[in-house]
Amino acid sequence: MTDTILVLTEDTLAPVDIDHLLSLHEGETLAYHVLVPADTARNLLSSLIDHLSLGELHDAWEDVLGREPEPREARADAEQQLRGSLEAFRAAGRQATGEVVDDDPLPALRSAVADLEIREIAVITYPHAVADTFHRDWASRARDELRVPVLHLYSGTSELG
């Protein structure tokens, strides 16, 4: 069975994200499985601080107004992000599978680690000031709970989270 890199992302993977992932294992034949959570529940304070720290005033205002997506809308967005990520893998000459998961991705990560030959988990997110600082981000939680190496990259960059 082929080793699998489990990729958890909160948005469509950019070509640069795919390039970074593939460069980690040049010359190896690996499977990639992408998980995209349907973001239905946000922590208002954390989200507000994240947007303000990145200078995203419009998004911060949307958070204050409580314009969170409905579950159906959040799932449709996640499905679109998943399709885009799988297309990005294909454009790079690699095949990948994937699925949309619940808002908290830890149960899906646990299940994938139990069911697949997971070599490592790559978590690709935007910076989240509060969660990253207090190690409550997805990568930190996965490191605490799972017995698999976890790499946290910030989307669109080569910066480690």
N, C-alpha and C. Protein backbone atom coordinates (compact mmCIF):
# COMPACT_ATOMS: atom_id res chain seq x y z
N MET A 1 0.84 -1.18 0.00
CA MET A 1 0.00 0.00 0.00
C MET A 1 0.89 1.25 0.00
N THR A 2 0.48 2.28 -0.71
CA THR A 2 1.23 3.52 -0.83
C THR A 2 1.01 4.39 0.41
N ASP A 3 2.09 4.98 0.89
CA ASP A 3 1.97 5.93 2.00
C ASP A 3 1.15 7.13 1.54
N THR A 4 0.41 7.69 2.48
CA THR A 4 -0.47 8.82 2.17
C THR A 4 -0.08 10.03 3.00
N ILE A 5 -0.10 11.19 2.33
CA ILE A 5 0.04 12.47 3.02
C ILE A 5 -1.38 13.00 3.18
N LEU A 6 -1.78 13.20 4.41
CA LEU A 6 -3.12 13.73 4.70
C LEU A 6 -3.00 15.25 4.76
N VAL A 7 -3.79 15.93 3.95
CA VAL A 7 -3.72 17.38 3.86
C VAL A 7 -5.02 17.96 4.40
N LEU A 8 -4.90 18.81 5.40
CA LEU A 8 -6.05 19.51 5.98
C LEU A 8 -5.92 20.97 5.63
N THR A 9 -6.93 21.52 4.96
CA THR A 9 -6.87 22.92 4.56
C THR A 9 -8.21 23.61 4.78
N GLU A 10 -8.15 24.91 5.02
CA GLU A 10 -9.37 25.68 5.23
C GLU A 10 -9.78 26.45 3.98
N ASP A 11 -9.02 26.30 2.89
CA ASP A 11 -9.32 27.01 1.65
C ASP A 11 -8.75 26.21 0.49
N THR A 12 -9.04 26.64 -0.71
CA THR A 12 -8.50 25.98 -1.89
C THR A 12 -6.98 26.08 -1.86
N LEU A 13 -6.30 24.97 -2.08
CA LEU A 13 -4.85 24.99 -2.12
C LEU A 13 -4.38 25.73 -3.36
N ALA A 14 -3.46 26.65 -3.17
CA ALA A 14 -2.87 27.39 -4.28
C ALA A 14 -1.76 26.55 -4.91
N PRO A 15 -1.44 26.81 -6.16
CA PRO A 15 -0.32 26.07 -6.78
C PRO A 15 0.96 26.12 -5.95
N VAL A 16 1.24 27.24 -5.30
CA VAL A 16 2.44 27.32 -4.47
C VAL A 16 2.35 26.36 -3.28
N ASP A 17 1.15 26.16 -2.74
CA ASP A 17 0.97 25.20 -1.64
C ASP A 17 1.26 23.78 -2.12
N ILE A 18 0.76 23.45 -3.31
CA ILE A 18 1.02 22.12 -3.89
C ILE A 18 2.51 21.94 -4.13
N ASP A 19 3.16 22.97 -4.68
CA ASP A 19 4.60 22.90 -4.93
C ASP A 19 5.37 22.64 -3.63
N HIS A 20 4.99 23.33 -2.55
CA HIS A 20 5.68 23.11 -1.27
C HIS A 20 5.47 21.68 -0.78
N LEU A 21 4.25 21.19 -0.89
CA LEU A 21 3.98 19.82 -0.44
C LEU A 21 4.78 18.80 -1.25
N LEU A 22 4.77 18.95 -2.56
CA LEU A 22 5.47 17.99 -3.42
C LEU A 22 6.98 18.06 -3.23
N SER A 23 7.50 19.25 -2.96
CA SER A 23 8.96 19.39 -2.79
C SER A 23 9.46 18.69 -1.53
N LEU A 24 8.57 18.43 -0.59
CA LEU A 24 8.97 17.75 0.64
C LEU A 24 9.32 16.28 0.40
N HIS A 25 8.80 15.72 -0.69
CA HIS A 25 8.99 14.29 -0.95
C HIS A 25 9.33 14.05 -2.42
N GLU A 26 10.26 14.84 -2.94
CA GLU A 26 10.65 14.69 -4.35
C GLU A 26 11.13 13.27 -4.62
N GLY A 27 10.72 12.76 -5.76
CA GLY A 27 11.16 11.44 -6.17
C GLY A 27 10.39 10.29 -5.55
N GLU A 28 9.44 10.58 -4.69
CA GLU A 28 8.64 9.53 -4.05
C GLU A 28 7.26 9.47 -4.67
N THR A 29 6.70 8.30 -4.67
CA THR A 29 5.32 8.12 -5.11
C THR A 29 4.45 8.01 -3.87
N LEU A 30 3.64 9.03 -3.67
CA LEU A 30 2.79 9.09 -2.49
C LEU A 30 1.35 9.36 -2.91
N ALA A 31 0.44 8.99 -2.05
CA ALA A 31 -0.96 9.34 -2.24
C ALA A 31 -1.24 10.59 -1.40
N TYR A 32 -2.18 11.40 -1.87
CA TYR A 32 -2.58 12.60 -1.14
C TYR A 32 -4.09 12.53 -0.91
N HIS A 33 -4.49 12.81 0.33
CA HIS A 33 -5.91 12.83 0.67
C HIS A 33 -6.18 14.16 1.36
N VAL A 34 -7.11 14.94 0.79
CA VAL A 34 -7.38 16.30 1.24
C VAL A 34 -8.68 16.34 2.05
N LEU A 35 -8.63 16.99 3.21
CA LEU A 35 -9.81 17.22 4.03
C LEU A 35 -10.08 18.72 4.08
N VAL A 36 -11.33 19.10 3.83
CA VAL A 36 -11.74 20.50 3.91
C VAL A 36 -12.96 20.57 4.83
N PRO A 37 -12.81 21.21 5.99
CA PRO A 37 -13.96 21.35 6.89
C PRO A 37 -14.98 22.36 6.36
N ALA A 38 -16.24 22.05 6.56
CA ALA A 38 -17.32 22.99 6.26
C ALA A 38 -17.40 23.92 7.46
N ASP A 39 -16.98 25.16 7.29
CA ASP A 39 -16.86 26.11 8.40
C ASP A 39 -18.22 26.67 8.77
N THR A 40 -18.87 26.04 9.74
CA THR A 40 -20.21 26.46 10.15
C THR A 40 -20.24 27.20 11.48
N ALA A 41 -19.18 27.08 12.26
CA ALA A 41 -19.17 27.71 13.59
C ALA A 41 -17.83 28.38 13.82
N ARG A 42 -17.86 29.69 13.95
CA ARG A 42 -16.64 30.44 14.17
C ARG A 42 -16.67 31.07 15.55
N ASN A 43 -15.50 31.16 16.16
CA ASN A 43 -15.37 31.88 17.41
C ASN A 43 -15.25 33.35 17.04
N LEU A 44 -16.24 34.16 17.43
CA LEU A 44 -16.29 35.56 17.02
C LEU A 44 -15.04 36.33 17.44
N LEU A 45 -14.63 36.21 18.69
CA LEU A 45 -13.47 36.96 19.15
C LEU A 45 -12.20 36.56 18.41
N SER A 46 -11.96 35.27 18.29
CA SER A 46 -10.77 34.80 17.58
C SER A 46 -10.77 35.25 16.13
N SER A 47 -11.92 35.11 15.49
CA SER A 47 -12.03 35.51 14.09
C SER A 47 -11.81 37.00 13.92
N LEU A 48 -12.38 37.79 14.81
CA LEU A 48 -12.22 39.25 14.76
C LEU A 48 -10.75 39.63 14.91
N ILE A 49 -10.06 39.05 15.88
CA ILE A 49 -8.64 39.34 16.10
C ILE A 49 -7.83 38.90 14.88
N ASP A 50 -8.14 37.73 14.32
CA ASP A 50 -7.42 37.26 13.13
C ASP A 50 -7.55 38.27 12.00
N HIS A 51 -8.76 38.70 11.71
CA HIS A 51 -8.98 39.65 10.62
C HIS A 51 -8.29 40.99 10.88
N LEU A 52 -8.40 41.49 12.09
CA LEU A 52 -7.77 42.77 12.41
C LEU A 52 -6.25 42.67 12.34
N SER A 53 -5.68 41.55 12.79
CA SER A 53 -4.22 41.40 12.76
C SER A 53 -3.69 41.34 11.34
N LEU A 54 -4.54 40.92 10.40
CA LEU A 54 -4.14 40.84 8.99
C LEU A 54 -4.59 42.06 8.20
N GLY A 55 -5.20 43.03 8.88
CA GLY A 55 -5.66 44.23 8.19
C GLY A 55 -6.91 44.03 7.36
N GLU A 56 -7.67 43.01 7.66
CA GLU A 56 -8.88 42.68 6.89
C GLU A 56 -10.09 43.31 7.58
N LEU A 57 -10.23 44.62 7.41
CA LEU A 57 -11.28 45.35 8.11
C LEU A 57 -12.68 44.95 7.66
N HIS A 58 -12.86 44.74 6.36
CA HIS A 58 -14.18 44.35 5.86
C HIS A 58 -14.60 43.00 6.45
N ASP A 59 -13.69 42.04 6.45
CA ASP A 59 -14.00 40.72 7.01
C ASP A 59 -14.27 40.81 8.52
N ALA A 60 -13.52 41.67 9.20
CA ALA A 60 -13.76 41.87 10.64
C ALA A 60 -15.16 42.42 10.87
N TRP A 61 -15.56 43.38 10.03
CA TRP A 61 -16.90 43.96 10.14
C TRP A 61 -17.97 42.91 9.88
N GLU A 62 -17.77 42.05 8.90
CA GLU A 62 -18.72 40.97 8.61
C GLU A 62 -18.87 40.05 9.82
N ASP A 63 -17.76 39.78 10.51
CA ASP A 63 -17.81 38.95 11.72
C ASP A 63 -18.65 39.63 12.81
N VAL A 64 -18.44 40.91 12.99
CA VAL A 64 -19.19 41.66 14.01
C VAL A 64 -20.68 41.62 13.71
N LEU A 65 -21.02 41.69 12.43
CA LEU A 65 -22.43 41.66 12.03
C LEU A 65 -23.03 40.26 12.10
N GLY A 66 -22.18 39.26 12.36
CA GLY A 66 -22.67 37.90 12.52
C GLY A 66 -23.11 37.24 11.24
N ARG A 67 -22.45 37.57 10.16
CA ARG A 67 -22.83 36.98 8.86
C ARG A 67 -22.07 35.70 8.59
N GLU A 68 -22.34 34.71 9.40
CA GLU A 68 -21.74 33.40 9.20
C GLU A 68 -22.54 32.64 8.17
N PRO A 69 -21.89 31.78 7.42
CA PRO A 69 -22.62 31.01 6.41
C PRO A 69 -23.58 30.00 7.05
N GLU A 70 -24.67 29.77 6.36
CA GLU A 70 -25.59 28.70 6.77
C GLU A 70 -24.88 27.37 6.52
N PRO A 71 -25.25 26.32 7.23
CA PRO A 71 -24.58 25.03 7.04
C PRO A 71 -24.55 24.56 5.58
N ARG A 72 -25.66 24.73 4.86
CA ARG A 72 -25.70 24.31 3.46
C ARG A 72 -24.70 25.12 2.62
N GLU A 73 -24.65 26.42 2.89
CA GLU A 73 -23.72 27.31 2.18
C GLU A 73 -22.27 26.97 2.54
N ALA A 74 -22.00 26.70 3.81
CA ALA A 74 -20.64 26.35 4.25
C ALA A 74 -20.19 25.05 3.59
N ARG A 75 -21.09 24.09 3.47
CA ARG A 75 -20.74 22.81 2.84
C ARG A 75 -20.47 23.01 1.35
N ALA A 76 -21.29 23.83 0.68
CA ALA A 76 -21.08 24.10 -0.74
C ALA A 76 -19.73 24.80 -0.96
N ASP A 77 -19.39 25.74 -0.09
CA ASP A 77 -18.09 26.41 -0.18
C ASP A 77 -16.95 25.41 -0.01
N ALA A 78 -17.07 24.53 0.98
CA ALA A 78 -16.03 23.53 1.23
C ALA A 78 -15.90 22.57 0.06
N GLU A 79 -17.01 22.18 -0.54
CA GLU A 79 -16.95 21.29 -1.71
C GLU A 79 -16.24 21.98 -2.88
N GLN A 80 -16.50 23.26 -3.06
CA GLN A 80 -15.83 24.02 -4.12
C GLN A 80 -14.32 24.12 -3.83
N GLN A 81 -13.97 24.37 -2.58
CA GLN A 81 -12.56 24.43 -2.19
C GLN A 81 -11.87 23.09 -2.40
N LEU A 82 -12.57 22.01 -2.08
CA LEU A 82 -12.01 20.68 -2.29
C LEU A 82 -11.78 20.42 -3.77
N ARG A 83 -12.78 20.71 -4.61
CA ARG A 83 -12.62 20.51 -6.06
C ARG A 83 -11.42 21.29 -6.58
N GLY A 84 -11.29 22.55 -6.15
CA GLY A 84 -10.16 23.37 -6.59
C GLY A 84 -8.82 22.80 -6.15
N SER A 85 -8.78 22.26 -4.93
CA SER A 85 -7.54 21.66 -4.43
C SER A 85 -7.17 20.40 -5.19
N LEU A 86 -8.17 19.56 -5.49
CA LEU A 86 -7.91 18.34 -6.25
C LEU A 86 -7.46 18.69 -7.67
N GLU A 87 -8.04 19.73 -8.26
CA GLU A 87 -7.62 20.20 -9.59
C GLU A 87 -6.18 20.71 -9.54
N ALA A 88 -5.80 21.38 -8.46
CA ALA A 88 -4.43 21.89 -8.32
C ALA A 88 -3.43 20.73 -8.27
N PHE A 89 -3.79 19.65 -7.58
CA PHE A 89 -2.93 18.46 -7.57
C PHE A 89 -2.82 17.89 -8.99
N ARG A 90 -3.94 17.77 -9.70
CA ARG A 90 -3.91 17.25 -11.07
C ARG A 90 -3.05 18.13 -11.97
N ALA A 91 -3.16 19.44 -11.83
CA ALA A 91 -2.36 20.37 -12.64
C ALA A 91 -0.86 20.18 -12.38
N ALA A 92 -0.52 19.72 -11.17
CA ALA A 92 0.88 19.46 -10.82
C ALA A 92 1.30 18.04 -11.18
N GLY A 93 0.41 17.30 -11.83
CA GLY A 93 0.74 15.94 -12.26
C GLY A 93 0.56 14.88 -11.21
N ARG A 94 -0.19 15.17 -10.18
CA ARG A 94 -0.43 14.20 -9.11
C ARG A 94 -1.92 13.99 -8.93
N GLN A 95 -2.26 12.82 -8.50
CA GLN A 95 -3.66 12.51 -8.19
C GLN A 95 -3.87 12.67 -6.69
N ALA A 96 -5.06 13.07 -6.34
CA ALA A 96 -5.41 13.19 -4.93
C ALA A 96 -6.89 12.86 -4.77
N THR A 97 -7.23 12.42 -3.59
CA THR A 97 -8.62 12.19 -3.23
C THR A 97 -8.95 13.17 -2.12
N GLY A 98 -10.21 13.24 -1.74
CA GLY A 98 -10.54 14.14 -0.66
C GLY A 98 -11.98 14.06 -0.25
N GLU A 99 -12.29 14.81 0.79
CA GLU A 99 -13.66 14.85 1.30
C GLU A 99 -13.88 16.10 2.13
N VAL A 100 -15.13 16.51 2.19
CA VAL A 100 -15.55 17.58 3.07
C VAL A 100 -15.89 16.95 4.41
N VAL A 101 -15.41 17.58 5.49
CA VAL A 101 -15.62 17.04 6.83
C VAL A 101 -16.34 18.07 7.69
N ASP A 102 -16.70 17.66 8.88
CA ASP A 102 -17.37 18.57 9.81
C ASP A 102 -16.46 19.72 10.22
N ASP A 103 -17.05 20.72 10.83
CA ASP A 103 -16.35 21.94 11.23
C ASP A 103 -15.11 21.64 12.07
N ASP A 104 -15.20 20.71 13.01
CA ASP A 104 -14.03 20.29 13.78
C ASP A 104 -13.41 19.10 13.06
N PRO A 105 -12.24 19.28 12.45
CA PRO A 105 -11.66 18.21 11.63
C PRO A 105 -10.96 17.11 12.41
N LEU A 106 -10.79 17.25 13.71
CA LEU A 106 -10.03 16.24 14.47
C LEU A 106 -10.62 14.84 14.38
N PRO A 107 -11.94 14.65 14.48
CA PRO A 107 -12.47 13.30 14.32
C PRO A 107 -12.15 12.70 12.93
N ALA A 108 -12.21 13.52 11.88
CA ALA A 108 -11.89 13.04 10.54
C ALA A 108 -10.40 12.70 10.42
N LEU A 109 -9.54 13.49 11.05
CA LEU A 109 -8.11 13.17 11.06
C LEU A 109 -7.86 11.85 11.77
N ARG A 110 -8.50 11.68 12.93
CA ARG A 110 -8.36 10.43 13.70
C ARG A 110 -8.76 9.23 12.86
N SER A 111 -9.90 9.36 12.19
CA SER A 111 -10.41 8.27 11.36
C SER A 111 -9.46 7.96 10.20
N ALA A 112 -8.97 8.99 9.54
CA ALA A 112 -8.05 8.78 8.41
C ALA A 112 -6.76 8.11 8.86
N VAL A 113 -6.24 8.53 10.01
CA VAL A 113 -5.01 7.93 10.53
C VAL A 113 -5.24 6.45 10.86
N ALA A 114 -6.43 6.12 11.35
CA ALA A 114 -6.74 4.72 11.67
C ALA A 114 -6.96 3.88 10.42
N ASP A 115 -7.53 4.47 9.36
CA ASP A 115 -7.94 3.69 8.19
C ASP A 115 -6.93 3.67 7.04
N LEU A 116 -6.05 4.66 6.96
CA LEU A 116 -5.13 4.78 5.83
C LEU A 116 -3.69 4.66 6.32
N GLU A 117 -2.77 4.45 5.40
CA GLU A 117 -1.35 4.42 5.72
C GLU A 117 -0.84 5.86 5.70
N ILE A 118 -1.13 6.62 6.75
CA ILE A 118 -0.78 8.04 6.80
C ILE A 118 0.67 8.18 7.25
N ARG A 119 1.49 8.78 6.39
CA ARG A 119 2.89 9.03 6.75
C ARG A 119 3.00 10.32 7.57
N GLU A 120 2.26 11.33 7.14
CA GLU A 120 2.28 12.60 7.86
C GLU A 120 1.04 13.40 7.52
N ILE A 121 0.81 14.42 8.31
CA ILE A 121 -0.32 15.33 8.10
C ILE A 121 0.26 16.70 7.78
N ALA A 122 -0.25 17.30 6.72
CA ALA A 122 0.12 18.68 6.37
C ALA A 122 -1.12 19.54 6.58
N VAL A 123 -1.01 20.51 7.47
CA VAL A 123 -2.11 21.43 7.75
C VAL A 123 -1.76 22.75 7.09
N ILE A 124 -2.63 23.21 6.20
CA ILE A 124 -2.37 24.45 5.47
C ILE A 124 -3.52 25.41 5.77
N THR A 125 -3.19 26.47 6.50
CA THR A 125 -4.19 27.44 6.93
C THR A 125 -3.64 28.86 6.76
N TYR A 126 -4.50 29.82 6.96
CA TYR A 126 -4.07 31.20 7.10
C TYR A 126 -3.63 31.38 8.54
N PRO A 127 -2.86 32.41 8.84
CA PRO A 127 -2.50 32.64 10.25
C PRO A 127 -3.75 32.93 11.08
N HIS A 128 -3.78 32.36 12.27
CA HIS A 128 -4.87 32.60 13.22
C HIS A 128 -4.21 33.00 14.54
N ALA A 129 -4.19 34.31 14.78
CA ALA A 129 -3.42 34.87 15.90
C ALA A 129 -3.71 34.18 17.23
N VAL A 130 -4.95 34.06 17.60
CA VAL A 130 -5.29 33.50 18.91
C VAL A 130 -5.02 32.00 18.96
N ALA A 131 -5.55 31.25 18.00
CA ALA A 131 -5.39 29.79 18.01
C ALA A 131 -3.92 29.39 17.88
N ASP A 132 -3.17 30.06 17.00
CA ASP A 132 -1.76 29.72 16.83
C ASP A 132 -0.95 30.05 18.08
N THR A 133 -1.21 31.20 18.67
CA THR A 133 -0.47 31.62 19.86
C THR A 133 -0.69 30.67 21.03
N PHE A 134 -1.93 30.25 21.23
CA PHE A 134 -2.25 29.38 22.36
C PHE A 134 -2.27 27.90 22.00
N HIS A 135 -1.75 27.57 20.82
CA HIS A 135 -1.63 26.18 20.37
C HIS A 135 -2.96 25.43 20.39
N ARG A 136 -4.01 26.12 19.97
CA ARG A 136 -5.32 25.49 19.84
C ARG A 136 -5.69 25.35 18.37
N ASP A 137 -4.72 25.62 17.49
CA ASP A 137 -4.93 25.47 16.05
C ASP A 137 -5.01 23.99 15.70
N TRP A 138 -5.46 23.71 14.48
CA TRP A 138 -5.64 22.32 14.06
C TRP A 138 -4.35 21.52 14.13
N ALA A 139 -3.24 22.13 13.71
CA ALA A 139 -1.96 21.40 13.70
C ALA A 139 -1.53 21.04 15.12
N SER A 140 -1.62 21.99 16.03
CA SER A 140 -1.23 21.71 17.42
C SER A 140 -2.11 20.65 18.04
N ARG A 141 -3.41 20.73 17.79
CA ARG A 141 -4.32 19.73 18.34
C ARG A 141 -4.03 18.35 17.76
N ALA A 142 -3.71 18.29 16.46
CA ALA A 142 -3.38 17.00 15.83
C ALA A 142 -2.08 16.45 16.41
N ARG A 143 -1.07 17.31 16.61
CA ARG A 143 0.19 16.87 17.20
C ARG A 143 -0.04 16.29 18.59
N ASP A 144 -0.91 16.94 19.37
CA ASP A 144 -1.19 16.48 20.74
C ASP A 144 -1.89 15.13 20.77
N GLU A 145 -2.71 14.88 19.76
CA GLU A 145 -3.61 13.73 19.81
C GLU A 145 -3.17 12.53 18.97
N LEU A 146 -2.51 12.78 17.84
CA LEU A 146 -2.21 11.70 16.90
C LEU A 146 -0.73 11.35 16.93
N ARG A 147 -0.41 10.16 16.58
CA ARG A 147 0.98 9.68 16.59
C ARG A 147 1.57 9.72 15.18
N VAL A 148 1.44 10.88 14.54
CA VAL A 148 1.91 11.07 13.17
C VAL A 148 2.57 12.44 13.10
N PRO A 149 3.66 12.59 12.34
CA PRO A 149 4.25 13.93 12.18
C PRO A 149 3.24 14.90 11.56
N VAL A 150 3.23 16.13 12.06
CA VAL A 150 2.30 17.15 11.57
C VAL A 150 3.11 18.39 11.19
N LEU A 151 2.92 18.84 9.95
CA LEU A 151 3.55 20.05 9.44
C LEU A 151 2.47 21.10 9.26
N HIS A 152 2.72 22.32 9.75
CA HIS A 152 1.75 23.40 9.60
C HIS A 152 2.36 24.48 8.72
N LEU A 153 1.76 24.70 7.55
CA LEU A 153 2.20 25.75 6.63
C LEU A 153 1.10 26.80 6.51
N TYR A 154 1.54 28.04 6.34
CA TYR A 154 0.56 29.11 6.09
C TYR A 154 0.30 29.17 4.60
N SER A 155 -0.96 29.22 4.26
CA SER A 155 -1.42 29.18 2.87
C SER A 155 -0.75 30.27 2.03
N GLY A 156 -0.28 29.85 0.85
CA GLY A 156 0.30 30.79 -0.10
C GLY A 156 1.71 31.22 0.21
N THR A 157 2.31 30.66 1.25
CA THR A 157 3.67 31.05 1.64
C THR A 157 4.48 29.79 1.95
N SER A 158 5.74 29.99 2.25
CA SER A 158 6.56 28.87 2.73
C SER A 158 6.78 28.97 4.24
N GLU A 159 6.02 29.84 4.89
CA GLU A 159 6.13 30.03 6.33
C GLU A 159 5.51 28.87 7.10
N LEU A 160 6.20 28.47 8.13
CA LEU A 160 5.70 27.40 8.99
C LEU A 160 4.85 28.00 10.10
N GLY A 161 3.76 27.30 10.44
CA GLY A 161 2.89 27.75 11.51
C GLY A 161 3.27 27.16 12.82
